[in-house]
Amino acid sequence: MTEELVFYTNPMSRGRIARWMLEEVGVPYRTEYLDFGTTMKALDYLSVNPMGKVPAIRHGDTIVTECAAICAYMAETFPETGLAPTAAERGDYFRWMFFAAGPLETVVTNRALGFEIPPERLRMAGCGGFGDVMGTLETAVSASPYIAGDRFTAADVYVGSHIGWGLGFGTIEKRQAFVDYWSRVSDRDAYRRATELDNAAMPPQTNT
């Protein structure tokens, strides 16, 4: 495909997940950096993402928001990269990618905000409880070397990013299975390139 690929992001955002995926795919793209509360909420960008959030990509006339969707879209749009699932991998690939986008992100965010679902109300919450999610995630990353089987896929970019972020900021439990899985999936040139690019784009630190 020859359509221009534009990446909208901020280096202090979930855009780091999409950046890693873009580097895995390895096709040329142009980056537009946006600031929270200003350019993210400007009319020009709201026509891309009405939520006024990053990341987003524009690929020709196609706009994709939400990190999991960006990972899946890029993998399927560029199948030569081998990042999309095989028929045998599809079940685990989609299961765990959407588990991370749903229950995992919800319970981690709730806990970071100091909100705990009362035990008697857990049946109303699709995400379940924090302990249940951690246990389920541990089972998922322990079943095989990668989240969908024996090889790295786009689902590892997404699930791995959540685990790496959570380990770094203490928002998920530091279980050995998570540490081992993150070590495997992050040992990639594309991850290192993406991290270098985003770190270089961080605003300068000022001493106060």
N, C-alpha and C. Protein backbone atom coordinates (compact mmCIF):
# COMPACT_ATOMS: atom_id res chain seq x y z
N MET A 1 0.84 -1.19 0.00
CA MET A 1 0.00 0.00 0.00
C MET A 1 0.88 1.24 0.00
N THR A 2 0.40 2.28 -0.69
CA THR A 2 1.19 3.51 -0.79
C THR A 2 0.54 4.67 -0.05
N GLU A 3 -0.59 4.46 0.62
CA GLU A 3 -1.24 5.54 1.35
C GLU A 3 -0.34 6.06 2.47
N GLU A 4 -0.40 7.37 2.71
CA GLU A 4 0.38 7.93 3.79
C GLU A 4 -0.13 7.42 5.13
N LEU A 5 0.79 7.12 6.02
CA LEU A 5 0.46 6.66 7.37
C LEU A 5 0.90 7.74 8.35
N VAL A 6 -0.07 8.29 9.08
CA VAL A 6 0.18 9.35 10.05
C VAL A 6 -0.12 8.82 11.45
N PHE A 7 0.77 9.07 12.37
CA PHE A 7 0.67 8.60 13.75
C PHE A 7 0.52 9.81 14.66
N TYR A 8 -0.60 9.86 15.38
CA TYR A 8 -0.88 10.95 16.32
C TYR A 8 -0.60 10.44 17.73
N THR A 9 0.22 11.16 18.46
CA THR A 9 0.64 10.62 19.75
C THR A 9 1.15 11.69 20.68
N ASN A 10 1.49 11.26 21.87
CA ASN A 10 2.22 12.03 22.86
C ASN A 10 3.13 11.02 23.56
N PRO A 11 4.39 11.34 23.79
CA PRO A 11 5.30 10.33 24.36
C PRO A 11 4.96 9.92 25.79
N MET A 12 4.08 10.68 26.45
CA MET A 12 3.66 10.32 27.80
C MET A 12 2.23 9.77 27.76
N SER A 13 2.00 8.83 26.87
CA SER A 13 0.65 8.30 26.69
C SER A 13 0.71 6.85 26.24
N ARG A 14 -0.48 6.27 26.06
CA ARG A 14 -0.57 4.92 25.51
C ARG A 14 -0.09 4.87 24.07
N GLY A 15 0.20 6.03 23.50
CA GLY A 15 0.78 6.05 22.17
C GLY A 15 2.05 5.24 22.07
N ARG A 16 2.72 5.01 23.19
CA ARG A 16 3.93 4.17 23.17
C ARG A 16 3.62 2.75 22.70
N ILE A 17 2.42 2.28 22.98
CA ILE A 17 2.03 0.95 22.50
C ILE A 17 1.95 0.95 20.98
N ALA A 18 1.25 1.94 20.43
CA ALA A 18 1.10 2.03 18.98
C ALA A 18 2.45 2.26 18.31
N ARG A 19 3.30 3.05 18.93
CA ARG A 19 4.64 3.29 18.37
C ARG A 19 5.40 1.97 18.23
N TRP A 20 5.36 1.16 19.27
CA TRP A 20 6.03 -0.14 19.21
C TRP A 20 5.48 -0.96 18.05
N MET A 21 4.16 -0.96 17.88
CA MET A 21 3.56 -1.73 16.80
C MET A 21 4.01 -1.20 15.44
N LEU A 22 4.05 0.11 15.29
CA LEU A 22 4.49 0.70 14.03
C LEU A 22 5.94 0.32 13.72
N GLU A 23 6.78 0.30 14.74
CA GLU A 23 8.17 -0.09 14.52
C GLU A 23 8.29 -1.57 14.20
N GLU A 24 7.42 -2.40 14.75
CA GLU A 24 7.41 -3.82 14.40
C GLU A 24 7.06 -4.00 12.93
N VAL A 25 6.08 -3.25 12.45
CA VAL A 25 5.65 -3.38 11.06
C VAL A 25 6.73 -2.86 10.11
N GLY A 26 7.35 -1.74 10.49
CA GLY A 26 8.49 -1.25 9.73
C GLY A 26 8.17 -0.50 8.46
N VAL A 27 6.93 -0.02 8.31
CA VAL A 27 6.59 0.79 7.14
C VAL A 27 6.80 2.27 7.49
N PRO A 28 7.06 3.13 6.50
CA PRO A 28 7.26 4.55 6.81
C PRO A 28 5.99 5.19 7.37
N TYR A 29 6.16 6.07 8.34
CA TYR A 29 5.03 6.81 8.89
C TYR A 29 5.50 8.17 9.36
N ARG A 30 4.55 9.08 9.43
CA ARG A 30 4.84 10.44 9.90
C ARG A 30 4.19 10.62 11.26
N THR A 31 4.95 11.22 12.19
CA THR A 31 4.45 11.41 13.55
C THR A 31 3.98 12.84 13.76
N GLU A 32 2.80 12.99 14.33
CA GLU A 32 2.31 14.29 14.76
C GLU A 32 2.13 14.23 16.28
N TYR A 33 2.90 15.05 16.99
CA TYR A 33 2.81 15.09 18.44
C TYR A 33 1.74 16.08 18.87
N LEU A 34 0.92 15.67 19.81
CA LEU A 34 -0.16 16.51 20.33
C LEU A 34 0.00 16.67 21.83
N ASP A 35 -0.47 17.80 22.34
CA ASP A 35 -0.39 18.08 23.77
C ASP A 35 -1.75 17.89 24.43
N PHE A 36 -1.71 17.41 25.67
CA PHE A 36 -2.93 17.19 26.42
C PHE A 36 -3.65 18.53 26.66
N GLY A 37 -4.96 18.50 26.44
CA GLY A 37 -5.78 19.66 26.78
C GLY A 37 -5.75 20.79 25.78
N THR A 38 -4.81 20.78 24.83
CA THR A 38 -4.74 21.87 23.85
C THR A 38 -4.93 21.28 22.45
N THR A 39 -3.85 20.88 21.79
CA THR A 39 -3.97 20.38 20.43
C THR A 39 -4.76 19.07 20.35
N MET A 40 -4.79 18.29 21.44
CA MET A 40 -5.62 17.08 21.43
C MET A 40 -7.10 17.41 21.38
N LYS A 41 -7.45 18.60 21.88
CA LYS A 41 -8.86 19.00 21.91
C LYS A 41 -9.21 20.00 20.82
N ALA A 42 -8.25 20.27 19.93
CA ALA A 42 -8.50 21.20 18.84
C ALA A 42 -9.41 20.55 17.79
N LEU A 43 -10.15 21.38 17.05
CA LEU A 43 -11.13 20.87 16.10
C LEU A 43 -10.47 19.98 15.05
N ASP A 44 -9.28 20.34 14.61
CA ASP A 44 -8.61 19.53 13.59
C ASP A 44 -8.44 18.09 14.06
N TYR A 45 -7.99 17.93 15.31
CA TYR A 45 -7.76 16.58 15.78
C TYR A 45 -9.06 15.89 16.19
N LEU A 46 -10.03 16.64 16.66
CA LEU A 46 -11.32 16.02 17.01
C LEU A 46 -11.99 15.40 15.80
N SER A 47 -11.63 15.85 14.59
CA SER A 47 -12.15 15.21 13.39
C SER A 47 -11.50 13.85 13.17
N VAL A 48 -10.35 13.63 13.79
CA VAL A 48 -9.68 12.32 13.75
C VAL A 48 -10.21 11.44 14.87
N ASN A 49 -10.17 11.95 16.09
CA ASN A 49 -10.68 11.21 17.24
C ASN A 49 -11.56 12.13 18.07
N PRO A 50 -12.86 11.99 17.99
CA PRO A 50 -13.77 12.86 18.75
C PRO A 50 -13.56 12.80 20.27
N MET A 51 -12.87 11.74 20.74
CA MET A 51 -12.56 11.66 22.17
C MET A 51 -11.46 12.63 22.57
N GLY A 52 -10.72 13.13 21.59
CA GLY A 52 -9.62 14.03 21.91
C GLY A 52 -8.51 13.35 22.67
N LYS A 53 -8.26 12.08 22.31
CA LYS A 53 -7.23 11.30 22.98
C LYS A 53 -6.29 10.70 21.94
N VAL A 54 -5.10 10.34 22.39
CA VAL A 54 -4.15 9.62 21.54
C VAL A 54 -3.92 8.25 22.15
N PRO A 55 -3.46 7.29 21.32
CA PRO A 55 -3.01 7.45 19.94
C PRO A 55 -4.14 7.29 18.94
N ALA A 56 -3.81 7.66 17.71
CA ALA A 56 -4.65 7.39 16.55
C ALA A 56 -3.73 7.27 15.35
N ILE A 57 -4.21 6.59 14.33
CA ILE A 57 -3.48 6.58 13.07
C ILE A 57 -4.44 6.94 11.95
N ARG A 58 -3.90 7.57 10.93
CA ARG A 58 -4.64 7.79 9.68
C ARG A 58 -3.84 7.11 8.58
N HIS A 59 -4.45 6.13 7.95
CA HIS A 59 -3.80 5.39 6.88
C HIS A 59 -4.59 5.63 5.60
N GLY A 60 -4.12 6.56 4.79
CA GLY A 60 -4.93 6.97 3.66
C GLY A 60 -6.19 7.63 4.17
N ASP A 61 -7.34 7.08 3.81
CA ASP A 61 -8.62 7.59 4.29
C ASP A 61 -9.14 6.86 5.52
N THR A 62 -8.39 5.90 6.00
CA THR A 62 -8.82 5.09 7.14
C THR A 62 -8.26 5.64 8.44
N ILE A 63 -9.13 5.83 9.42
CA ILE A 63 -8.72 6.28 10.75
C ILE A 63 -8.96 5.15 11.74
N VAL A 64 -7.97 4.89 12.56
CA VAL A 64 -8.10 3.87 13.60
C VAL A 64 -7.66 4.48 14.93
N THR A 65 -8.50 4.36 15.94
CA THR A 65 -8.14 4.75 17.30
C THR A 65 -8.18 3.49 18.18
N GLU A 66 -7.77 3.64 19.41
CA GLU A 66 -7.71 2.56 20.41
C GLU A 66 -6.52 1.65 20.11
N CYS A 67 -5.68 1.49 21.10
CA CYS A 67 -4.41 0.78 20.90
C CYS A 67 -4.57 -0.65 20.40
N ALA A 68 -5.51 -1.37 20.99
CA ALA A 68 -5.71 -2.76 20.55
C ALA A 68 -6.13 -2.80 19.10
N ALA A 69 -7.01 -1.87 18.70
CA ALA A 69 -7.48 -1.83 17.31
C ALA A 69 -6.34 -1.47 16.37
N ILE A 70 -5.48 -0.53 16.78
CA ILE A 70 -4.33 -0.15 15.95
C ILE A 70 -3.41 -1.35 15.76
N CYS A 71 -3.13 -2.08 16.83
CA CYS A 71 -2.26 -3.25 16.71
C CYS A 71 -2.86 -4.28 15.76
N ALA A 72 -4.14 -4.58 15.92
CA ALA A 72 -4.79 -5.57 15.07
C ALA A 72 -4.85 -5.10 13.62
N TYR A 73 -5.17 -3.82 13.42
CA TYR A 73 -5.26 -3.27 12.06
C TYR A 73 -3.92 -3.35 11.34
N MET A 74 -2.87 -2.93 12.02
CA MET A 74 -1.56 -2.93 11.38
C MET A 74 -1.12 -4.35 11.04
N ALA A 75 -1.38 -5.30 11.94
CA ALA A 75 -0.98 -6.68 11.68
C ALA A 75 -1.70 -7.25 10.47
N GLU A 76 -2.99 -6.94 10.32
CA GLU A 76 -3.75 -7.50 9.21
C GLU A 76 -3.53 -6.73 7.91
N THR A 77 -3.23 -5.44 8.01
CA THR A 77 -2.99 -4.64 6.82
C THR A 77 -1.64 -4.96 6.19
N PHE A 78 -0.70 -5.38 7.02
CA PHE A 78 0.63 -5.73 6.53
C PHE A 78 0.95 -7.18 6.93
N PRO A 79 0.26 -8.14 6.30
CA PRO A 79 0.41 -9.55 6.71
C PRO A 79 1.80 -10.11 6.49
N GLU A 80 2.57 -9.45 5.62
CA GLU A 80 3.92 -9.95 5.35
C GLU A 80 4.82 -9.85 6.57
N THR A 81 4.41 -9.08 7.58
CA THR A 81 5.21 -8.96 8.79
C THR A 81 5.09 -10.19 9.69
N GLY A 82 4.07 -11.00 9.47
CA GLY A 82 3.87 -12.19 10.30
C GLY A 82 3.36 -11.89 11.69
N LEU A 83 2.79 -10.71 11.90
CA LEU A 83 2.32 -10.33 13.23
C LEU A 83 0.84 -10.63 13.46
N ALA A 84 0.12 -10.98 12.39
CA ALA A 84 -1.27 -11.41 12.53
C ALA A 84 -1.31 -12.89 12.91
N PRO A 85 -2.41 -13.35 13.48
CA PRO A 85 -2.45 -14.74 13.92
C PRO A 85 -2.70 -15.71 12.78
N THR A 86 -2.19 -16.92 12.93
CA THR A 86 -2.58 -18.02 12.07
C THR A 86 -3.95 -18.51 12.52
N ALA A 87 -4.54 -19.41 11.75
CA ALA A 87 -5.85 -19.94 12.13
C ALA A 87 -5.80 -20.58 13.52
N ALA A 88 -4.72 -21.27 13.81
CA ALA A 88 -4.61 -21.95 15.11
C ALA A 88 -4.41 -20.98 16.26
N GLU A 89 -3.89 -19.79 15.95
CA GLU A 89 -3.59 -18.81 17.00
C GLU A 89 -4.72 -17.82 17.25
N ARG A 90 -5.71 -17.78 16.35
CA ARG A 90 -6.69 -16.71 16.41
C ARG A 90 -7.45 -16.65 17.72
N GLY A 91 -7.81 -17.79 18.28
CA GLY A 91 -8.58 -17.80 19.51
C GLY A 91 -7.86 -17.11 20.65
N ASP A 92 -6.64 -17.55 20.94
CA ASP A 92 -5.87 -16.95 22.03
C ASP A 92 -5.47 -15.51 21.71
N TYR A 93 -5.15 -15.26 20.45
CA TYR A 93 -4.76 -13.90 20.02
C TYR A 93 -5.85 -12.90 20.36
N PHE A 94 -7.07 -13.16 19.92
CA PHE A 94 -8.16 -12.21 20.19
C PHE A 94 -8.62 -12.28 21.64
N ARG A 95 -8.63 -13.46 22.21
CA ARG A 95 -9.07 -13.59 23.60
C ARG A 95 -8.23 -12.71 24.53
N TRP A 96 -6.91 -12.84 24.43
CA TRP A 96 -6.07 -12.15 25.40
C TRP A 96 -5.84 -10.68 25.05
N MET A 97 -5.90 -10.36 23.76
CA MET A 97 -5.81 -8.94 23.40
C MET A 97 -7.00 -8.18 23.98
N PHE A 98 -8.20 -8.73 23.84
CA PHE A 98 -9.38 -8.04 24.35
C PHE A 98 -9.53 -8.18 25.85
N PHE A 99 -8.98 -9.23 26.42
CA PHE A 99 -8.93 -9.32 27.89
C PHE A 99 -8.10 -8.17 28.45
N ALA A 100 -6.97 -7.89 27.80
CA ALA A 100 -6.12 -6.79 28.27
C ALA A 100 -6.81 -5.45 28.07
N ALA A 101 -7.53 -5.29 26.96
CA ALA A 101 -8.22 -4.02 26.68
C ALA A 101 -9.42 -3.82 27.58
N GLY A 102 -10.00 -4.91 28.09
CA GLY A 102 -11.19 -4.81 28.91
C GLY A 102 -10.90 -4.99 30.39
N PRO A 103 -11.00 -6.23 30.91
CA PRO A 103 -10.82 -6.45 32.34
C PRO A 103 -9.49 -5.94 32.90
N LEU A 104 -8.37 -6.21 32.20
CA LEU A 104 -7.08 -5.82 32.76
C LEU A 104 -6.97 -4.31 32.92
N GLU A 105 -7.22 -3.58 31.83
CA GLU A 105 -7.09 -2.12 31.93
C GLU A 105 -8.08 -1.54 32.93
N THR A 106 -9.28 -2.10 33.01
CA THR A 106 -10.30 -1.56 33.91
C THR A 106 -9.89 -1.73 35.37
N VAL A 107 -9.48 -2.94 35.75
CA VAL A 107 -9.17 -3.14 37.17
C VAL A 107 -7.91 -2.40 37.58
N VAL A 108 -6.93 -2.30 36.67
CA VAL A 108 -5.71 -1.56 36.99
C VAL A 108 -6.01 -0.08 37.15
N THR A 109 -6.83 0.47 36.26
CA THR A 109 -7.20 1.89 36.37
C THR A 109 -8.01 2.14 37.62
N ASN A 110 -8.97 1.28 37.90
CA ASN A 110 -9.78 1.45 39.11
C ASN A 110 -8.90 1.50 40.35
N ARG A 111 -7.96 0.56 40.44
CA ARG A 111 -7.11 0.51 41.63
C ARG A 111 -6.22 1.74 41.71
N ALA A 112 -5.69 2.19 40.58
CA ALA A 112 -4.83 3.38 40.59
C ALA A 112 -5.60 4.62 41.04
N LEU A 113 -6.90 4.64 40.76
CA LEU A 113 -7.75 5.77 41.16
C LEU A 113 -8.32 5.60 42.57
N GLY A 114 -7.96 4.50 43.22
CA GLY A 114 -8.44 4.28 44.58
C GLY A 114 -9.85 3.74 44.65
N PHE A 115 -10.32 3.14 43.55
CA PHE A 115 -11.68 2.62 43.54
C PHE A 115 -11.67 1.11 43.55
N GLU A 116 -12.36 0.52 44.49
CA GLU A 116 -12.49 -0.94 44.55
C GLU A 116 -13.97 -1.29 44.45
N ILE A 117 -14.28 -2.25 43.60
CA ILE A 117 -15.67 -2.69 43.47
C ILE A 117 -16.03 -3.49 44.71
N PRO A 118 -17.10 -3.14 45.40
CA PRO A 118 -17.49 -3.91 46.59
C PRO A 118 -17.71 -5.37 46.21
N PRO A 119 -17.26 -6.30 47.04
CA PRO A 119 -17.37 -7.72 46.70
C PRO A 119 -18.78 -8.15 46.33
N GLU A 120 -19.77 -7.58 47.01
CA GLU A 120 -21.14 -7.98 46.74
C GLU A 120 -21.67 -7.43 45.41
N ARG A 121 -20.89 -6.53 44.76
CA ARG A 121 -21.31 -5.96 43.47
C ARG A 121 -20.48 -6.48 42.30
N LEU A 122 -19.57 -7.41 42.58
CA LEU A 122 -18.67 -7.87 41.53
C LEU A 122 -19.41 -8.53 40.37
N ARG A 123 -20.56 -9.15 40.65
CA ARG A 123 -21.30 -9.80 39.57
C ARG A 123 -21.79 -8.80 38.53
N MET A 124 -21.92 -7.53 38.94
CA MET A 124 -22.37 -6.49 38.01
C MET A 124 -21.24 -5.97 37.13
N ALA A 125 -20.00 -6.25 37.53
CA ALA A 125 -18.84 -5.69 36.84
C ALA A 125 -18.28 -6.72 35.85
N GLY A 126 -18.29 -6.38 34.58
CA GLY A 126 -17.76 -7.30 33.58
C GLY A 126 -16.28 -7.58 33.75
N CYS A 127 -15.56 -6.65 34.39
CA CYS A 127 -14.11 -6.83 34.55
C CYS A 127 -13.75 -7.83 35.63
N GLY A 128 -14.67 -8.09 36.57
CA GLY A 128 -14.34 -8.96 37.69
C GLY A 128 -13.45 -8.25 38.70
N GLY A 129 -12.91 -8.99 39.65
CA GLY A 129 -12.08 -8.42 40.70
C GLY A 129 -10.61 -8.41 40.32
N PHE A 130 -9.83 -7.58 41.00
CA PHE A 130 -8.41 -7.43 40.70
C PHE A 130 -7.67 -8.76 40.84
N GLY A 131 -7.92 -9.48 41.91
CA GLY A 131 -7.24 -10.76 42.12
C GLY A 131 -7.56 -11.77 41.04
N ASP A 132 -8.82 -11.82 40.64
CA ASP A 132 -9.21 -12.75 39.58
C ASP A 132 -8.51 -12.40 38.27
N VAL A 133 -8.41 -11.11 37.97
CA VAL A 133 -7.77 -10.69 36.72
C VAL A 133 -6.28 -11.03 36.75
N MET A 134 -5.62 -10.78 37.88
CA MET A 134 -4.19 -11.09 37.97
C MET A 134 -3.95 -12.59 37.81
N GLY A 135 -4.79 -13.40 38.44
CA GLY A 135 -4.63 -14.84 38.33
C GLY A 135 -4.86 -15.34 36.91
N THR A 136 -5.85 -14.78 36.26
CA THR A 136 -6.15 -15.17 34.88
C THR A 136 -5.03 -14.75 33.95
N LEU A 137 -4.50 -13.55 34.15
CA LEU A 137 -3.39 -13.07 33.33
C LEU A 137 -2.15 -13.94 33.53
N GLU A 138 -1.90 -14.33 34.76
CA GLU A 138 -0.75 -15.20 35.02
C GLU A 138 -0.89 -16.53 34.28
N THR A 139 -2.10 -17.08 34.29
CA THR A 139 -2.35 -18.32 33.54
C THR A 139 -2.08 -18.12 32.06
N ALA A 140 -2.51 -16.98 31.53
CA ALA A 140 -2.37 -16.70 30.09
C ALA A 140 -0.91 -16.63 29.67
N VAL A 141 -0.08 -15.93 30.45
CA VAL A 141 1.32 -15.75 30.03
C VAL A 141 2.19 -16.95 30.39
N SER A 142 1.63 -17.89 31.14
CA SER A 142 2.40 -19.08 31.53
C SER A 142 2.12 -20.26 30.62
N ALA A 143 1.08 -20.18 29.80
CA ALA A 143 0.67 -21.33 29.01
C ALA A 143 1.62 -21.63 27.86
N SER A 144 2.28 -20.61 27.33
CA SER A 144 3.19 -20.78 26.20
C SER A 144 4.16 -19.60 26.20
N PRO A 145 5.21 -19.66 25.41
CA PRO A 145 6.19 -18.56 25.44
C PRO A 145 5.59 -17.20 25.10
N TYR A 146 4.63 -17.18 24.17
CA TYR A 146 3.98 -15.93 23.78
C TYR A 146 2.48 -16.08 23.98
N ILE A 147 1.77 -14.97 23.92
CA ILE A 147 0.39 -14.97 24.37
C ILE A 147 -0.52 -15.85 23.50
N ALA A 148 -0.18 -16.02 22.22
CA ALA A 148 -1.01 -16.83 21.33
C ALA A 148 -0.35 -18.15 20.94
N GLY A 149 0.81 -18.43 21.52
CA GLY A 149 1.48 -19.68 21.18
C GLY A 149 2.98 -19.58 21.26
N ASP A 150 3.66 -20.13 20.27
CA ASP A 150 5.11 -20.24 20.30
C ASP A 150 5.84 -19.12 19.58
N ARG A 151 5.10 -18.14 19.04
CA ARG A 151 5.78 -17.06 18.33
C ARG A 151 5.15 -15.71 18.70
N PHE A 152 5.91 -14.67 18.48
CA PHE A 152 5.51 -13.30 18.79
C PHE A 152 4.48 -12.81 17.76
N THR A 153 3.40 -12.18 18.25
CA THR A 153 2.38 -11.58 17.39
C THR A 153 2.04 -10.19 17.91
N ALA A 154 1.15 -9.52 17.19
CA ALA A 154 0.71 -8.20 17.61
C ALA A 154 0.06 -8.23 18.99
N ALA A 155 -0.54 -9.34 19.35
CA ALA A 155 -1.14 -9.44 20.68
C ALA A 155 -0.10 -9.31 21.78
N ASP A 156 1.13 -9.73 21.50
CA ASP A 156 2.19 -9.58 22.50
C ASP A 156 2.60 -8.12 22.66
N VAL A 157 2.50 -7.35 21.58
CA VAL A 157 2.76 -5.91 21.71
C VAL A 157 1.77 -5.31 22.69
N TYR A 158 0.51 -5.65 22.54
CA TYR A 158 -0.53 -5.03 23.36
C TYR A 158 -0.53 -5.56 24.79
N VAL A 159 -0.60 -6.87 24.94
CA VAL A 159 -0.60 -7.45 26.29
C VAL A 159 0.71 -7.15 26.99
N GLY A 160 1.82 -7.29 26.26
CA GLY A 160 3.12 -7.02 26.86
C GLY A 160 3.27 -5.59 27.33
N SER A 161 2.74 -4.64 26.57
CA SER A 161 2.83 -3.24 26.98
C SER A 161 2.12 -3.01 28.30
N HIS A 162 0.96 -3.61 28.48
CA HIS A 162 0.24 -3.46 29.74
C HIS A 162 1.04 -4.04 30.90
N ILE A 163 1.63 -5.18 30.67
CA ILE A 163 2.40 -5.81 31.74
C ILE A 163 3.68 -5.03 32.02
N GLY A 164 4.38 -4.62 30.98
CA GLY A 164 5.60 -3.84 31.19
C GLY A 164 5.32 -2.54 31.92
N TRP A 165 4.27 -1.84 31.50
CA TRP A 165 3.88 -0.60 32.17
C TRP A 165 3.52 -0.86 33.63
N GLY A 166 2.72 -1.91 33.84
CA GLY A 166 2.28 -2.22 35.21
C GLY A 166 3.42 -2.59 36.13
N LEU A 167 4.40 -3.35 35.61
CA LEU A 167 5.56 -3.70 36.42
C LEU A 167 6.39 -2.46 36.73
N GLY A 168 6.52 -1.58 35.74
CA GLY A 168 7.34 -0.39 35.94
C GLY A 168 6.75 0.59 36.92
N PHE A 169 5.43 0.68 36.95
CA PHE A 169 4.77 1.67 37.81
C PHE A 169 4.08 1.04 39.02
N GLY A 170 4.24 -0.26 39.17
CA GLY A 170 3.68 -0.91 40.35
C GLY A 170 2.18 -1.04 40.35
N THR A 171 1.56 -1.02 39.18
CA THR A 171 0.10 -1.10 39.13
C THR A 171 -0.41 -2.52 38.91
N ILE A 172 0.50 -3.45 38.63
CA ILE A 172 0.13 -4.86 38.66
C ILE A 172 1.09 -5.57 39.61
N GLU A 173 0.68 -6.73 40.06
CA GLU A 173 1.51 -7.48 40.99
C GLU A 173 2.78 -7.99 40.30
N LYS A 174 3.88 -7.93 41.01
CA LYS A 174 5.15 -8.35 40.43
C LYS A 174 5.32 -9.86 40.58
N ARG A 175 4.55 -10.59 39.80
CA ARG A 175 4.65 -12.04 39.80
C ARG A 175 5.75 -12.47 38.82
N GLN A 176 6.42 -13.56 39.14
CA GLN A 176 7.54 -13.99 38.30
C GLN A 176 7.10 -14.29 36.88
N ALA A 177 5.91 -14.81 36.71
CA ALA A 177 5.41 -15.11 35.36
C ALA A 177 5.31 -13.84 34.53
N PHE A 178 4.91 -12.73 35.15
CA PHE A 178 4.82 -11.46 34.42
C PHE A 178 6.22 -10.94 34.07
N VAL A 179 7.13 -11.04 35.02
CA VAL A 179 8.50 -10.58 34.79
C VAL A 179 9.13 -11.37 33.64
N ASP A 180 8.96 -12.68 33.65
CA ASP A 180 9.55 -13.53 32.62
C ASP A 180 8.94 -13.24 31.25
N TYR A 181 7.62 -13.09 31.21
CA TYR A 181 6.95 -12.82 29.94
C TYR A 181 7.40 -11.47 29.38
N TRP A 182 7.44 -10.46 30.22
CA TRP A 182 7.86 -9.13 29.75
C TRP A 182 9.30 -9.17 29.25
N SER A 183 10.15 -9.91 29.91
CA SER A 183 11.53 -10.03 29.46
C SER A 183 11.61 -10.63 28.06
N ARG A 184 10.76 -11.62 27.79
CA ARG A 184 10.76 -12.25 26.46
C ARG A 184 10.26 -11.29 25.39
N VAL A 185 9.11 -10.68 25.63
CA VAL A 185 8.48 -9.91 24.54
C VAL A 185 9.16 -8.57 24.29
N SER A 186 9.82 -8.01 25.28
CA SER A 186 10.45 -6.70 25.10
C SER A 186 11.87 -6.78 24.55
N ASP A 187 12.40 -7.97 24.42
CA ASP A 187 13.76 -8.14 23.90
C ASP A 187 13.71 -8.15 22.36
N ARG A 188 13.33 -6.99 21.81
CA ARG A 188 13.15 -6.88 20.37
C ARG A 188 13.67 -5.52 19.90
N ASP A 189 14.27 -5.51 18.72
CA ASP A 189 14.80 -4.27 18.18
C ASP A 189 13.71 -3.22 18.00
N ALA A 190 12.52 -3.65 17.58
CA ALA A 190 11.44 -2.69 17.36
C ALA A 190 11.04 -2.01 18.66
N TYR A 191 11.01 -2.77 19.75
CA TYR A 191 10.68 -2.15 21.04
C TYR A 191 11.75 -1.15 21.44
N ARG A 192 13.00 -1.50 21.23
CA ARG A 192 14.07 -0.58 21.59
C ARG A 192 14.02 0.68 20.74
N ARG A 193 13.76 0.54 19.44
CA ARG A 193 13.65 1.73 18.58
C ARG A 193 12.50 2.62 19.02
N ALA A 194 11.36 2.01 19.29
CA ALA A 194 10.19 2.78 19.70
C ALA A 194 10.45 3.53 21.00
N THR A 195 11.09 2.86 21.94
CA THR A 195 11.39 3.49 23.22
C THR A 195 12.34 4.67 23.04
N GLU A 196 13.34 4.49 22.21
CA GLU A 196 14.29 5.59 21.95
C GLU A 196 13.59 6.79 21.32
N LEU A 197 12.70 6.54 20.37
CA LEU A 197 11.99 7.62 19.71
C LEU A 197 11.10 8.38 20.69
N ASP A 198 10.37 7.65 21.51
CA ASP A 198 9.48 8.31 22.45
C ASP A 198 10.25 9.01 23.56
N ASN A 199 11.32 8.40 24.03
CA ASN A 199 12.13 9.07 25.05
C ASN A 199 12.74 10.37 24.52
N ALA A 200 13.17 10.35 23.26
CA ALA A 200 13.75 11.55 22.67
C ALA A 200 12.72 12.66 22.52
N ALA A 201 11.44 12.29 22.41
CA ALA A 201 10.38 13.29 22.24
C ALA A 201 9.82 13.79 23.56
N MET A 202 10.30 13.26 24.68
CA MET A 202 9.81 13.71 25.98
C MET A 202 10.19 15.17 26.21
N PRO A 203 9.34 15.94 26.87
CA PRO A 203 9.71 17.33 27.17
C PRO A 203 10.91 17.37 28.10
N PRO A 204 11.75 18.38 27.97
CA PRO A 204 12.94 18.48 28.84
C PRO A 204 12.54 18.63 30.29
N GLN A 205 13.34 18.00 31.14
CA GLN A 205 13.09 18.11 32.58
C GLN A 205 13.62 19.43 33.10
N THR A 206 12.86 20.05 33.95
CA THR A 206 13.28 21.30 34.57
C THR A 206 13.42 21.12 36.07
N ASN A 207 14.46 21.72 36.62
CA ASN A 207 14.66 21.64 38.06
C ASN A 207 13.87 22.74 38.75
N THR A 208 13.17 22.35 39.81
CA THR A 208 12.39 23.35 40.55
C THR A 208 12.86 23.41 42.00
